Amino acid sequence: MKIWIKYLIGCTLGILAAFFLPFENQSFKSVLQFCTELTLRMGRYFLLPVLFFSTTIAITKLRGSGKLIRTGLLTAAAALAISLITTFIGVFSALIIKLPRIPISVEKLSDPINLELPERLLSLFPFNGAAGLFDGDFLLPAFILAGFIGAAFASDQIRSKPAFLLFDSLARISFEVLSFFTDLIAIGMIAVSCTWAVSLFDVLKTGTFTGLIILLAVDAIIIIAGLLPVLLRFLCRENHPYKVLFAGIAPIIAALFSGDVNFSLALNLRHAKDSLGVKRRIGAVSMPLFSVFARSGTALVIAVSFIVVLRSYSSLGVSLRDLVWLMGMSFGISFCLSAFPSGGPFVALTLMCTLYGRGFEAGYLLLKPAAFIICAFAAAIDTATALFATCYIASHEKMIIPKDLKHYI
């Protein structure tokens, strides 16, 4: 059975369970939360070993072929471009669709959130380099360590050959273990989707956030099913760009219901290789970078959410100065959330309200009840962007071996 069918069945069963099971029972709810957390942990379980060993091999091969810098620059350019486009789409959609005001929250202002960028930069180079292999949220330290080792392998290929072969073998073994877990957690998606559905039903009952949810859903569909395939069609002359979307069904589903881009990254890596035929030297480098930095969905959601907050507090509208500030901040902060694979958009919204000031410091509290669904749509767009952009890089560098649909996993 195809993976996307397994995930679709699991999510369907989970949503149906949300209608009939007694979630008002606290014990039953605790069991559901445990199963959800276990599934999320299993989805991330072997991600770091795969990234570390595969990235090391990929960096070695790219540097050996002289394509490392070009691939890195192309990845950076694609990340900047797609994030800028989605930020504009988010601002434009929120301006033309005037959503109903959200009632002002009476909840007390919590402690301000800080991205702790200096600390994050220092953590890229810990006192012990191996420490970067133990953070399941922040992937950059492991990625940087793999980059240094891969570059060292490429600088002296004769002496490093035994170690290179060992890393290559470990990368393949790790990928096999990862593949096993991506199949296994299809069952766990029942609990994940059930938790998501129960929370969604509670939010929809109030009617306060219905318009915002619909707007984000429409934006997500436009970008995932419209913008990304069209860009791939014209940039790569790809005659069948929706084959990429077909391959991305399972990762996008996983991202939507979990709200976690690291959870869906494991599926993205597998489908890029086994379904789309992206060579490992591209997939192991571009895919993690896009997942960490090219948070285009996050940029869109931040922009939409902040405009909703502004309009809920004031009827004066959004001035041009505020609009420029909003677009710049939404775009910029989306690249600083690598340590927040889940919940990043709400963290960014909290920070933006604090920086904006003028009595809006507590504005993020208006959207706190719907934070999970906001982050879910952001994760779905982020995951789709990573897959499409990786295919673009692979196609541009002629490092993709197209496969027939019947061979997709």
Foldseek 3Di string as FASTA:
>chain_A
DFLLVLLVVLLVLLLVCLVDPDCVDPVVVVVLVVLLVVLLCLLLVLVLLLLLLLLLLLLLVCVLVVNNVVLVVLLVVLLLVLLLVLLVVLQVLLQVDPDDFFDDDPDDDDDFDDLPVVVVVVVLPDPDLCVQSPQSQQNNSSSVVSNVNSVVCNVDVVVCVVVNVVSVVSNVVSLVSSVVSSSVSSNSSSSLSNVQNNLVVVVVVVVRCPVVLVSLVVSLCCVLVNVLLVCLCVLLVDPCSCLLVVLCSSLLSQLLSNLFLSSSLSSLLCQVCQPFFFDSSLSSPSLVQLSQASLSLLLSLLLSLLQSLVVNVDVPHADPVNVVVSSVLSSVVSRSQSSPRHLSSLSSNLNVQCVVDPPSNRSSVSCVSVSRNSSSSSSSSSSSSSSSSSVSSSSVVVRGDGDDNVRRD
